[in-house]
Amino acid sequence: GKSLTRTTYNDDVTLPIPFLVCGEEHLDFNDIVASFNKLEEEALLVSSSDDEFCLVLSTTSVQGREVIDSFGGSLKGVPLPDFTKIQPGTIDEVLSKGWSVPFSQEQVVTKKSNATEMINHWERIIIVDFTPELSGMNEEADLLKVVNVITNDIQDMGEVGWYQKIDEEEKQQYSVDESTIDIPSLSDVFSLTAITTATSDNQRIRFWREVFKNGIESKHVCSTMFSTLFVKARSGNYSFQLVLNPMDGPPAEEYESSASNPNCVASLVAALSVHPYVLSVKANFPTYHGWNVAQLMDSFK
């Protein structure tokens, strides 16, 4: 895929975005999918009951409205808002002290490390699911190309967001890369920060603006986080993991632009949620964390 521009984000005709579509029980799943000119594997059934079933697929806003209207009220659908792609508890998790990436210039835990350092020594991972039409790519190389597009888009949006925030005098000190002229900032496209009306300035909106200001849209644009993270394809190439502190990777050289800065991680989660290739975003927490730590500590005795 190609990188996204401001025009693309505002394009109702050619930009496919994830839709939640629900049909009455008498409708056929395959008929609905075919109405959107999709194959069965390009749609995901997310719920089913005696009264209705719901699925997720990607379509343009124009096509979505046309198909839904053609069913005469028995089919309903809405675009998935970006913040609904962020799984419940994810932001609280990545901002918590227990989850946040420890800042250490040591690459590995040594025998001299104390117990606290050992407890902190596990990989922090953001898990990202693709939209159904991108899921199940045949080759891992294809997945990595798509992930590269996504992360490049996010970094570009961060740089644009930082540039928009500096004053005119400071802007004179920088030359603008022509390739970023039409790219929107993260603040422009994330639904909560894109709201500009005077009555919309509430605590939730201020929270996200502050996160972006100190994260991806800051002067450092979280460059260390992006340069040190590692991408892992998940089984079937339906999703991928962003490992923020890979065990065999280099240590972060400075705090503010690294994944140890919670604002960098939270703004990364938000940026992933606005991308049309992404269906859901969540953070990991090892189920057997305590057992793993105990085993790790035993190995150093």
C-alpha atoms as a PDB file:
ATOM      1  CA  GLY A   1       0.000   0.000   0.000  1.00  0.00           C
ATOM      2  CA  LYS A   2       0.998   3.614  -0.360  1.00  0.00           C
ATOM      3  CA  SER A   3       1.303   6.197   2.349  1.00  0.00           C
ATOM      4  CA  LEU A   4      -1.734   8.240   3.267  1.00  0.00           C
ATOM      5  CA  THR A   5      -2.296  11.951   2.705  1.00  0.00           C
ATOM      6  CA  ARG A   6      -4.685  14.533   4.118  1.00  0.00           C
ATOM      7  CA  THR A   7      -6.797  14.145   0.957  1.00  0.00           C
ATOM      8  CA  THR A   8      -6.916  10.378   1.439  1.00  0.00           C
ATOM      9  CA  TYR A   9      -8.138  10.695   5.026  1.00  0.00           C
ATOM     10  CA  ASN A  10     -10.967  12.974   3.845  1.00  0.00           C
ATOM     11  CA  ASP A  11     -11.822  10.819   0.839  1.00  0.00           C
ATOM     12  CA  ASP A  12     -15.300   9.254   1.048  1.00  0.00           C
ATOM     13  CA  VAL A  13     -15.009   7.630  -2.382  1.00  0.00           C
ATOM     14  CA  THR A  14     -11.772   5.644  -2.508  1.00  0.00           C
ATOM     15  CA  LEU A  15     -10.544   5.173   1.090  1.00  0.00           C
ATOM     16  CA  PRO A  16     -11.767   1.867   2.600  1.00  0.00           C
ATOM     17  CA  ILE A  17     -12.333   2.123   6.334  1.00  0.00           C
ATOM     18  CA  PRO A  18     -13.604  -0.494   8.808  1.00  0.00           C
ATOM     19  CA  PHE A  19     -17.400  -0.610   9.159  1.00  0.00           C
ATOM     20  CA  LEU A  20     -19.524  -2.436  11.707  1.00  0.00           C
ATOM     21  CA  VAL A  21     -22.481  -3.851   9.780  1.00  0.00           C
ATOM     22  CA  CYS A  22     -25.458  -5.574  11.459  1.00  0.00           C
ATOM     23  CA  GLY A  23     -28.228  -7.420   9.648  1.00  0.00           C
ATOM     24  CA  GLU A  24     -31.554  -8.917  10.691  1.00  0.00           C
ATOM     25  CA  GLU A  25     -31.644 -12.665  11.240  1.00  0.00           C
ATOM     26  CA  HIS A  26     -33.334 -13.472   7.916  1.00  0.00           C
ATOM     27  CA  LEU A  27     -30.431 -12.040   5.925  1.00  0.00           C
ATOM     28  CA  ASP A  28     -27.562 -14.180   4.681  1.00  0.00           C
ATOM     29  CA  PHE A  29     -23.983 -13.436   5.744  1.00  0.00           C
ATOM     30  CA  ASN A  30     -22.523 -14.237   2.317  1.00  0.00           C
ATOM     31  CA  ASP A  31     -25.143 -12.143   0.504  1.00  0.00           C
ATOM     32  CA  ILE A  32     -24.264  -9.119   2.632  1.00  0.00           C
ATOM     33  CA  VAL A  33     -20.544  -9.577   2.071  1.00  0.00           C
ATOM     34  CA  ALA A  34     -21.069  -9.992  -1.682  1.00  0.00           C
ATOM     35  CA  SER A  35     -23.132  -6.786  -1.746  1.00  0.00           C
ATOM     36  CA  PHE A  36     -19.982  -4.941  -0.701  1.00  0.00           C
ATOM     37  CA  ASN A  37     -18.023  -6.700  -3.490  1.00  0.00           C
ATOM     38  CA  LYS A  38     -16.042  -8.595  -0.872  1.00  0.00           C
ATOM     39  CA  LEU A  39     -15.006 -12.207  -0.511  1.00  0.00           C
ATOM     40  CA  GLU A  40     -16.117 -14.168   2.550  1.00  0.00           C
ATOM     41  CA  GLU A  41     -12.586 -14.092   4.019  1.00  0.00           C
ATOM     42  CA  GLU A  42     -12.556 -10.288   3.785  1.00  0.00           C
ATOM     43  CA  ALA A  43     -15.284  -9.980   6.427  1.00  0.00           C
ATOM     44  CA  LEU A  44     -15.234 -10.891  10.106  1.00  0.00           C
ATOM     45  CA  LEU A  45     -18.299 -12.145  11.985  1.00  0.00           C
ATOM     46  CA  VAL A  46     -18.174 -10.506  15.417  1.00  0.00           C
ATOM     47  CA  SER A  47     -21.542 -11.404  16.970  1.00  0.00           C
ATOM     48  CA  SER A  48     -24.633 -13.482  16.297  1.00  0.00           C
ATOM     49  CA  SER A  49     -27.982 -13.846  18.077  1.00  0.00           C
ATOM     50  CA  ASP A  50     -31.554 -14.900  17.311  1.00  0.00           C
ATOM     51  CA  ASP A  51     -32.395 -11.354  16.220  1.00  0.00           C
ATOM     52  CA  GLU A  52     -29.330 -10.175  14.293  1.00  0.00           C
ATOM     53  CA  PHE A  53     -25.702 -10.779  13.434  1.00  0.00           C
ATOM     54  CA  CYS A  54     -22.880  -8.284  13.052  1.00  0.00           C
ATOM     55  CA  LEU A  55     -19.735  -8.288  10.980  1.00  0.00           C
ATOM     56  CA  VAL A  56     -16.788  -6.022  10.288  1.00  0.00           C
ATOM     57  CA  LEU A  57     -15.493  -5.267   6.811  1.00  0.00           C
ATOM     58  CA  SER A  58     -13.725  -2.404   5.084  1.00  0.00           C
ATOM     59  CA  THR A  59     -15.544  -0.248   2.572  1.00  0.00           C
ATOM     60  CA  THR A  60     -15.687   3.357   1.478  1.00  0.00           C
ATOM     61  CA  SER A  61     -18.204   5.669   3.098  1.00  0.00           C
ATOM     62  CA  VAL A  62     -20.019   6.138  -0.214  1.00  0.00           C
ATOM     63  CA  GLN A  63     -20.290   2.407  -0.930  1.00  0.00           C
ATOM     64  CA  GLY A  64     -21.255   1.735   2.681  1.00  0.00           C
ATOM     65  CA  ARG A  65     -24.190   4.115   2.506  1.00  0.00           C
ATOM     66  CA  GLU A  66     -25.312   2.780  -0.873  1.00  0.00           C
ATOM     67  CA  VAL A  67     -25.282  -0.883   0.171  1.00  0.00           C
ATOM     68  CA  ILE A  68     -26.933  -0.268   3.539  1.00  0.00           C
ATOM     69  CA  ASP A  69     -29.688   1.823   1.919  1.00  0.00           C
ATOM     70  CA  SER A  70     -30.299  -0.914  -0.667  1.00  0.00           C
ATOM     71  CA  PHE A  71     -31.425  -3.300   2.091  1.00  0.00           C
ATOM     72  CA  GLY A  72     -34.319  -1.036   3.036  1.00  0.00           C
ATOM     73  CA  GLY A  73     -33.780  -0.864   6.790  1.00  0.00           C
ATOM     74  CA  SER A  74     -32.908  -4.501   7.460  1.00  0.00           C
ATOM     75  CA  LEU A  75     -29.176  -3.691   7.397  1.00  0.00           C
ATOM     76  CA  LYS A  76     -27.430  -1.096   9.523  1.00  0.00           C
ATOM     77  CA  GLY A  77     -23.842   0.031   9.578  1.00  0.00           C
ATOM     78  CA  VAL A  78     -21.502   2.615  11.050  1.00  0.00           C
ATOM     79  CA  PRO A  79     -17.815   3.394  10.550  1.00  0.00           C
ATOM     80  CA  LEU A  80     -15.735   2.176  13.472  1.00  0.00           C
ATOM     81  CA  PRO A  81     -14.594   5.275  15.418  1.00  0.00           C
ATOM     82  CA  ASP A  82     -10.864   5.256  16.086  1.00  0.00           C
ATOM     83  CA  PHE A  83     -11.186   5.143  19.887  1.00  0.00           C
ATOM     84  CA  THR A  84     -13.388   2.030  19.681  1.00  0.00           C
ATOM     85  CA  LYS A  85     -10.459   0.193  18.079  1.00  0.00           C
ATOM     86  CA  ILE A  86      -8.480   0.672  21.289  1.00  0.00           C
ATOM     87  CA  GLN A  87      -9.347  -2.284  23.502  1.00  0.00           C
ATOM     88  CA  PRO A  88     -10.744  -1.436  26.971  1.00  0.00           C
ATOM     89  CA  GLY A  89      -8.070  -0.863  29.598  1.00  0.00           C
ATOM     90  CA  THR A  90      -5.245  -0.451  27.071  1.00  0.00           C
ATOM     91  CA  ILE A  91      -4.490   3.218  27.782  1.00  0.00           C
ATOM     92  CA  ASP A  92      -4.708   2.707  31.555  1.00  0.00           C
ATOM     93  CA  GLU A  93      -2.349  -0.244  31.144  1.00  0.00           C
ATOM     94  CA  VAL A  94       0.361   1.487  29.120  1.00  0.00           C
ATOM     95  CA  LEU A  95       0.286   4.534  31.406  1.00  0.00           C
ATOM     96  CA  SER A  96       0.590   2.444  34.575  1.00  0.00           C
ATOM     97  CA  LYS A  97       3.877   2.081  36.437  1.00  0.00           C
ATOM     98  CA  GLY A  98       3.637  -1.692  36.317  1.00  0.00           C
ATOM     99  CA  TRP A  99       3.431  -1.809  32.515  1.00  0.00           C
ATOM    100  CA  SER A 100       5.605   1.123  31.448  1.00  0.00           C
ATOM    101  CA  VAL A 101       8.913   0.249  29.838  1.00  0.00           C
ATOM    102  CA  PRO A 102      11.731   0.528  32.404  1.00  0.00           C
ATOM    103  CA  PHE A 103      14.430   2.961  31.304  1.00  0.00           C
ATOM    104  CA  SER A 104      17.797   1.305  31.539  1.00  0.00           C
ATOM    105  CA  GLN A 105      20.933   1.642  29.481  1.00  0.00           C
ATOM    106  CA  GLU A 106      21.786  -1.940  30.397  1.00  0.00           C
ATOM    107  CA  GLN A 107      20.973  -4.284  27.522  1.00  0.00           C
ATOM    108  CA  VAL A 108      20.361  -7.382  29.669  1.00  0.00           C
ATOM    109  CA  VAL A 109      19.591  -8.223  33.268  1.00  0.00           C
ATOM    110  CA  THR A 110      22.792  -9.209  35.033  1.00  0.00           C
ATOM    111  CA  LYS A 111      23.386 -11.293  38.128  1.00  0.00           C
ATOM    112  CA  LYS A 112      23.975  -8.056  40.011  1.00  0.00           C
ATOM    113  CA  SER A 113      20.509  -6.787  39.192  1.00  0.00           C
ATOM    114  CA  ASN A 114      18.131  -6.444  42.079  1.00  0.00           C
ATOM    115  CA  ALA A 115      14.746  -8.161  42.315  1.00  0.00           C
ATOM    116  CA  THR A 116      12.838  -5.077  41.101  1.00  0.00           C
ATOM    117  CA  GLU A 117      14.870  -4.957  37.901  1.00  0.00           C
ATOM    118  CA  MET A 118      14.187  -8.639  37.299  1.00  0.00           C
ATOM    119  CA  ILE A 119      10.446  -8.164  37.787  1.00  0.00           C
ATOM    120  CA  ASN A 120      10.494  -5.362  35.207  1.00  0.00           C
ATOM    121  CA  HIS A 121      12.462  -7.371  32.668  1.00  0.00           C
ATOM    122  CA  TRP A 122       9.788  -8.596  30.249  1.00  0.00           C
ATOM    123  CA  GLU A 123       8.882  -7.484  26.755  1.00  0.00           C
ATOM    124  CA  ARG A 124       6.191  -4.807  26.504  1.00  0.00           C
ATOM    125  CA  ILE A 125       4.112  -5.512  23.424  1.00  0.00           C
ATOM    126  CA  ILE A 126       1.387  -3.699  21.492  1.00  0.00           C
ATOM    127  CA  ILE A 127      -0.798  -6.178  19.586  1.00  0.00           C
ATOM    128  CA  VAL A 128      -2.390  -4.878  16.383  1.00  0.00           C
ATOM    129  CA  ASP A 129      -5.080  -6.656  14.327  1.00  0.00           C
ATOM    130  CA  PHE A 130      -5.452  -5.902  10.632  1.00  0.00           C
ATOM    131  CA  THR A 131      -8.789  -5.173   9.005  1.00  0.00           C
ATOM    132  CA  PRO A 132     -10.290  -8.371   7.537  1.00  0.00           C
ATOM    133  CA  GLU A 133      -9.371  -7.572   3.928  1.00  0.00           C
ATOM    134  CA  LEU A 134      -5.674  -7.368   4.884  1.00  0.00           C
ATOM    135  CA  SER A 135      -5.712 -10.407   7.167  1.00  0.00           C
ATOM    136  CA  GLY A 136      -4.028 -13.656   6.293  1.00  0.00           C
ATOM    137  CA  MET A 137      -1.344 -12.366   3.926  1.00  0.00           C
ATOM    138  CA  ASN A 138       0.504 -15.245   2.305  1.00  0.00           C
ATOM    139  CA  GLU A 139       4.006 -14.117   3.137  1.00  0.00           C
ATOM    140  CA  GLU A 140       5.466 -12.531   6.243  1.00  0.00           C
ATOM    141  CA  ALA A 141       7.371 -10.180   3.922  1.00  0.00           C
ATOM    142  CA  ASP A 142       4.019  -8.782   2.713  1.00  0.00           C
ATOM    143  CA  LEU A 143       2.943  -8.169   6.301  1.00  0.00           C
ATOM    144  CA  LEU A 144       6.187  -6.357   7.097  1.00  0.00           C
ATOM    145  CA  LYS A 145       5.695  -4.076   4.078  1.00  0.00           C
ATOM    146  CA  VAL A 146       2.241  -3.084   5.338  1.00  0.00           C
ATOM    147  CA  VAL A 147       3.540  -2.523   8.873  1.00  0.00           C
ATOM    148  CA  ASN A 148       6.290  -0.357   7.426  1.00  0.00           C
ATOM    149  CA  VAL A 149       3.671   1.781   5.665  1.00  0.00           C
ATOM    150  CA  ILE A 150       1.708   2.133   8.904  1.00  0.00           C
ATOM    151  CA  THR A 151       4.708   3.123  11.032  1.00  0.00           C
ATOM    152  CA  ASN A 152       5.977   5.541   8.369  1.00  0.00           C
ATOM    153  CA  ASP A 153       2.543   7.183   8.223  1.00  0.00           C
ATOM    154  CA  ILE A 154       2.518   7.544  12.008  1.00  0.00           C
ATOM    155  CA  GLN A 155       5.979   9.088  12.120  1.00  0.00           C
ATOM    156  CA  ASP A 156       5.061  11.512   9.346  1.00  0.00           C
ATOM    157  CA  MET A 157       1.892  12.545  11.212  1.00  0.00           C
ATOM    158  CA  GLY A 158       3.979  13.122  14.339  1.00  0.00           C
ATOM    159  CA  GLU A 159       6.476  15.359  12.551  1.00  0.00           C
ATOM    160  CA  VAL A 160       3.673  17.370  10.951  1.00  0.00           C
ATOM    161  CA  GLY A 161       1.957  17.736  14.332  1.00  0.00           C
ATOM    162  CA  TRP A 162       5.147  19.056  15.947  1.00  0.00           C
ATOM    163  CA  TYR A 163       5.742  21.516  13.100  1.00  0.00           C
ATOM    164  CA  GLN A 164       2.182  22.839  13.325  1.00  0.00           C
ATOM    165  CA  LYS A 165       2.621  23.618  17.024  1.00  0.00           C
ATOM    166  CA  ILE A 166       5.827  25.689  16.859  1.00  0.00           C
ATOM    167  CA  ASP A 167       5.644  29.464  16.328  1.00  0.00           C
ATOM    168  CA  GLU A 168       6.283  31.155  12.991  1.00  0.00           C
ATOM    169  CA  GLU A 169       9.726  32.393  13.978  1.00  0.00           C
ATOM    170  CA  GLU A 170      10.900  28.913  14.901  1.00  0.00           C
ATOM    171  CA  LYS A 171       9.457  27.501  11.673  1.00  0.00           C
ATOM    172  CA  GLN A 172      11.952  29.640   9.749  1.00  0.00           C
ATOM    173  CA  GLN A 173      14.741  27.488  11.165  1.00  0.00           C
ATOM    174  CA  TYR A 174      13.438  24.342   9.495  1.00  0.00           C
ATOM    175  CA  SER A 175      12.883  23.285   5.915  1.00  0.00           C
ATOM    176  CA  VAL A 176       9.701  21.352   5.198  1.00  0.00           C
ATOM    177  CA  ASP A 177      10.010  18.048   3.389  1.00  0.00           C
ATOM    178  CA  GLU A 178       7.733  18.365   0.360  1.00  0.00           C
ATOM    179  CA  SER A 179       6.573  14.773   0.837  1.00  0.00           C
ATOM    180  CA  THR A 180       4.863  15.769   4.121  1.00  0.00           C
ATOM    181  CA  ILE A 181       2.994  18.858   2.860  1.00  0.00           C
ATOM    182  CA  ASP A 182      -0.309  17.011   2.343  1.00  0.00           C
ATOM    183  CA  ILE A 183       0.001  14.747   5.392  1.00  0.00           C
ATOM    184  CA  PRO A 184      -2.335  15.425   8.337  1.00  0.00           C
ATOM    185  CA  SER A 185      -1.098  15.538  11.911  1.00  0.00           C
ATOM    186  CA  LEU A 186      -2.243  12.967  14.434  1.00  0.00           C
ATOM    187  CA  SER A 187      -4.190  15.746  16.181  1.00  0.00           C
ATOM    188  CA  ASP A 188      -5.966  16.475  12.887  1.00  0.00           C
ATOM    189  CA  VAL A 189      -7.284  12.950  12.404  1.00  0.00           C
ATOM    190  CA  PHE A 190      -7.787  11.482  15.888  1.00  0.00           C
ATOM    191  CA  SER A 191     -11.474  12.076  16.541  1.00  0.00           C
ATOM    192  CA  LEU A 192     -11.163  13.520  20.045  1.00  0.00           C
ATOM    193  CA  THR A 193      -8.391  16.019  19.250  1.00  0.00           C
ATOM    194  CA  ALA A 194      -9.834  16.944  15.849  1.00  0.00           C
ATOM    195  CA  ILE A 195     -12.793  18.567  17.617  1.00  0.00           C
ATOM    196  CA  THR A 196     -12.260  22.326  17.552  1.00  0.00           C
ATOM    197  CA  THR A 197     -15.517  23.844  18.796  1.00  0.00           C
ATOM    198  CA  ALA A 198     -15.316  26.036  21.889  1.00  0.00           C
ATOM    199  CA  THR A 199     -17.716  23.830  23.834  1.00  0.00           C
ATOM    200  CA  SER A 200     -15.710  20.660  23.173  1.00  0.00           C
ATOM    201  CA  ASP A 201     -12.741  21.401  25.440  1.00  0.00           C
ATOM    202  CA  ASN A 202     -13.203  18.835  28.200  1.00  0.00           C
ATOM    203  CA  GLN A 203     -10.818  16.822  30.363  1.00  0.00           C
ATOM    204  CA  ARG A 204     -10.708  13.871  27.973  1.00  0.00           C
ATOM    205  CA  ILE A 205      -9.784  16.054  25.006  1.00  0.00           C
ATOM    206  CA  ARG A 206      -7.162  17.938  27.036  1.00  0.00           C
ATOM    207  CA  PHE A 207      -5.693  14.615  28.137  1.00  0.00           C
ATOM    208  CA  TRP A 208      -5.127  13.457  24.559  1.00  0.00           C
ATOM    209  CA  ARG A 209      -3.762  16.808  23.409  1.00  0.00           C
ATOM    210  CA  GLU A 210      -1.244  16.707  26.252  1.00  0.00           C
ATOM    211  CA  VAL A 211      -0.276  13.108  25.403  1.00  0.00           C
ATOM    212  CA  PHE A 212       0.392  14.033  21.764  1.00  0.00           C
ATOM    213  CA  LYS A 213       2.256  17.202  22.731  1.00  0.00           C
ATOM    214  CA  ASN A 214       4.638  15.200  24.951  1.00  0.00           C
ATOM    215  CA  GLY A 215       4.666  12.129  22.723  1.00  0.00           C
ATOM    216  CA  ILE A 216       4.641  11.638  18.964  1.00  0.00           C
ATOM    217  CA  GLU A 217       3.989  15.333  18.219  1.00  0.00           C
ATOM    218  CA  SER A 218       6.844  16.608  20.408  1.00  0.00           C
ATOM    219  CA  LYS A 219      10.158  17.819  19.020  1.00  0.00           C
ATOM    220  CA  HIS A 220      11.768  14.420  19.600  1.00  0.00           C
ATOM    221  CA  VAL A 221       8.800  12.694  17.834  1.00  0.00           C
ATOM    222  CA  CYS A 222       9.529   9.550  19.903  1.00  0.00           C
ATOM    223  CA  SER A 223      12.340   8.730  17.470  1.00  0.00           C
ATOM    224  CA  THR A 224      14.097   6.335  19.851  1.00  0.00           C
ATOM    225  CA  MET A 225      10.912   4.314  20.344  1.00  0.00           C
ATOM    226  CA  PHE A 226      10.540   3.817  16.595  1.00  0.00           C
ATOM    227  CA  SER A 227      14.208   3.016  16.047  1.00  0.00           C
ATOM    228  CA  THR A 228      14.339   0.332  18.752  1.00  0.00           C
ATOM    229  CA  LEU A 229      10.961  -1.415  18.412  1.00  0.00           C
ATOM    230  CA  PHE A 230      10.731  -4.829  16.768  1.00  0.00           C
ATOM    231  CA  VAL A 231       7.913  -6.219  14.607  1.00  0.00           C
ATOM    232  CA  LYS A 232       6.706  -9.808  14.988  1.00  0.00           C
ATOM    233  CA  ALA A 233       4.117 -11.365  12.708  1.00  0.00           C
ATOM    234  CA  ARG A 234       1.484 -13.405  14.517  1.00  0.00           C
ATOM    235  CA  SER A 235       0.196 -16.789  13.397  1.00  0.00           C
ATOM    236  CA  GLY A 236      -1.573 -16.637  10.036  1.00  0.00           C
ATOM    237  CA  ASN A 237      -0.409 -13.052   9.421  1.00  0.00           C
ATOM    238  CA  TYR A 238      -3.747 -11.731  10.677  1.00  0.00           C
ATOM    239  CA  SER A 239      -2.039  -9.391  13.117  1.00  0.00           C
ATOM    240  CA  PHE A 240       1.336  -8.324  14.401  1.00  0.00           C
ATOM    241  CA  GLN A 241       3.161  -7.351  17.557  1.00  0.00           C
ATOM    242  CA  LEU A 242       5.172  -4.208  18.155  1.00  0.00           C
ATOM    243  CA  VAL A 243       7.776  -5.153  20.769  1.00  0.00           C
ATOM    244  CA  LEU A 244       8.790  -1.922  22.483  1.00  0.00           C
ATOM    245  CA  ASN A 245      11.745  -3.311  24.444  1.00  0.00           C
ATOM    246  CA  PRO A 246      12.966  -6.439  22.621  1.00  0.00           C
ATOM    247  CA  MET A 247      15.199  -8.588  24.842  1.00  0.00           C
ATOM    248  CA  ASP A 248      17.873  -8.879  22.165  1.00  0.00           C
ATOM    249  CA  GLY A 249      17.580  -5.288  20.976  1.00  0.00           C
ATOM    250  CA  PRO A 250      19.713  -2.253  21.790  1.00  0.00           C
ATOM    251  CA  PRO A 251      18.907  -0.250  24.929  1.00  0.00           C
ATOM    252  CA  ALA A 252      17.341   3.182  24.586  1.00  0.00           C
ATOM    253  CA  GLU A 253      19.911   5.970  24.700  1.00  0.00           C
ATOM    254  CA  GLU A 254      17.617   8.627  26.150  1.00  0.00           C
ATOM    255  CA  TYR A 255      14.313   8.672  27.998  1.00  0.00           C
ATOM    256  CA  GLU A 256      12.050  11.325  26.448  1.00  0.00           C
ATOM    257  CA  SER A 257      11.948   9.902  22.922  1.00  0.00           C
ATOM    258  CA  SER A 258      11.900   6.255  24.009  1.00  0.00           C
ATOM    259  CA  ALA A 259       9.146   3.787  24.829  1.00  0.00           C
ATOM    260  CA  SER A 260       9.892   4.468  28.504  1.00  0.00           C
ATOM    261  CA  ASN A 261       8.041   7.750  28.039  1.00  0.00           C
ATOM    262  CA  PRO A 262       4.371   6.700  28.526  1.00  0.00           C
ATOM    263  CA  ASN A 263       3.234   9.571  26.275  1.00  0.00           C
ATOM    264  CA  CYS A 264       5.110   7.989  23.373  1.00  0.00           C
ATOM    265  CA  VAL A 265       3.372   4.650  23.877  1.00  0.00           C
ATOM    266  CA  ALA A 266      -0.106   6.142  24.436  1.00  0.00           C
ATOM    267  CA  SER A 267       0.192   8.353  21.347  1.00  0.00           C
ATOM    268  CA  LEU A 268       1.413   5.335  19.352  1.00  0.00           C
ATOM    269  CA  VAL A 269      -1.740   3.441  20.373  1.00  0.00           C
ATOM    270  CA  ALA A 270      -3.912   6.387  19.297  1.00  0.00           C
ATOM    271  CA  ALA A 271      -2.047   6.740  16.001  1.00  0.00           C
ATOM    272  CA  LEU A 272      -2.517   3.047  15.238  1.00  0.00           C
ATOM    273  CA  SER A 273      -6.242   3.398  15.913  1.00  0.00           C
ATOM    274  CA  VAL A 274      -6.703   6.117  13.270  1.00  0.00           C
ATOM    275  CA  HIS A 275      -5.044   4.084  10.554  1.00  0.00           C
ATOM    276  CA  PRO A 276      -7.527   2.525   8.101  1.00  0.00           C
ATOM    277  CA  TYR A 277      -5.493  -0.699   7.915  1.00  0.00           C
ATOM    278  CA  VAL A 278      -5.997  -1.329  11.648  1.00  0.00           C
ATOM    279  CA  LEU A 279      -8.988  -3.038  13.268  1.00  0.00           C
ATOM    280  CA  SER A 280      -7.923  -3.183  16.924  1.00  0.00           C
ATOM    281  CA  VAL A 281      -5.065  -2.276  19.257  1.00  0.00           C
ATOM    282  CA  LYS A 282      -4.286  -3.645  22.714  1.00  0.00           C
ATOM    283  CA  ALA A 283      -1.401  -4.007  25.161  1.00  0.00           C
ATOM    284  CA  ASN A 284      -0.134  -7.296  26.512  1.00  0.00           C
ATOM    285  CA  PHE A 285       0.409  -8.315  30.091  1.00  0.00           C
ATOM    286  CA  PRO A 286       1.903 -11.762  30.655  1.00  0.00           C
ATOM    287  CA  THR A 287      -0.619 -14.057  32.316  1.00  0.00           C
ATOM    288  CA  TYR A 288       2.099 -15.989  34.106  1.00  0.00           C
ATOM    289  CA  HIS A 289       4.209 -12.936  34.837  1.00  0.00           C
ATOM    290  CA  GLY A 290       4.815 -13.925  38.455  1.00  0.00           C
ATOM    291  CA  TRP A 291       5.809 -17.451  37.502  1.00  0.00           C
ATOM    292  CA  ASN A 292       8.204 -16.156  34.819  1.00  0.00           C
ATOM    293  CA  VAL A 293       9.842 -13.767  37.280  1.00  0.00           C
ATOM    294  CA  ALA A 294      10.276 -16.526  39.842  1.00  0.00           C
ATOM    295  CA  GLN A 295      11.886 -18.726  37.207  1.00  0.00           C
ATOM    296  CA  LEU A 296      14.136 -15.861  36.130  1.00  0.00           C
ATOM    297  CA  MET A 297      15.252 -15.192  39.681  1.00  0.00           C
ATOM    298  CA  ASP A 298      15.951 -18.893  40.257  1.00  0.00           C
ATOM    299  CA  SER A 299      18.205 -18.913  37.189  1.00  0.00           C
ATOM    300  CA  PHE A 300      20.421 -16.257  38.749  1.00  0.00           C
ATOM    301  CA  LYS A 301      20.958 -18.102  42.055  1.00  0.00           C
END
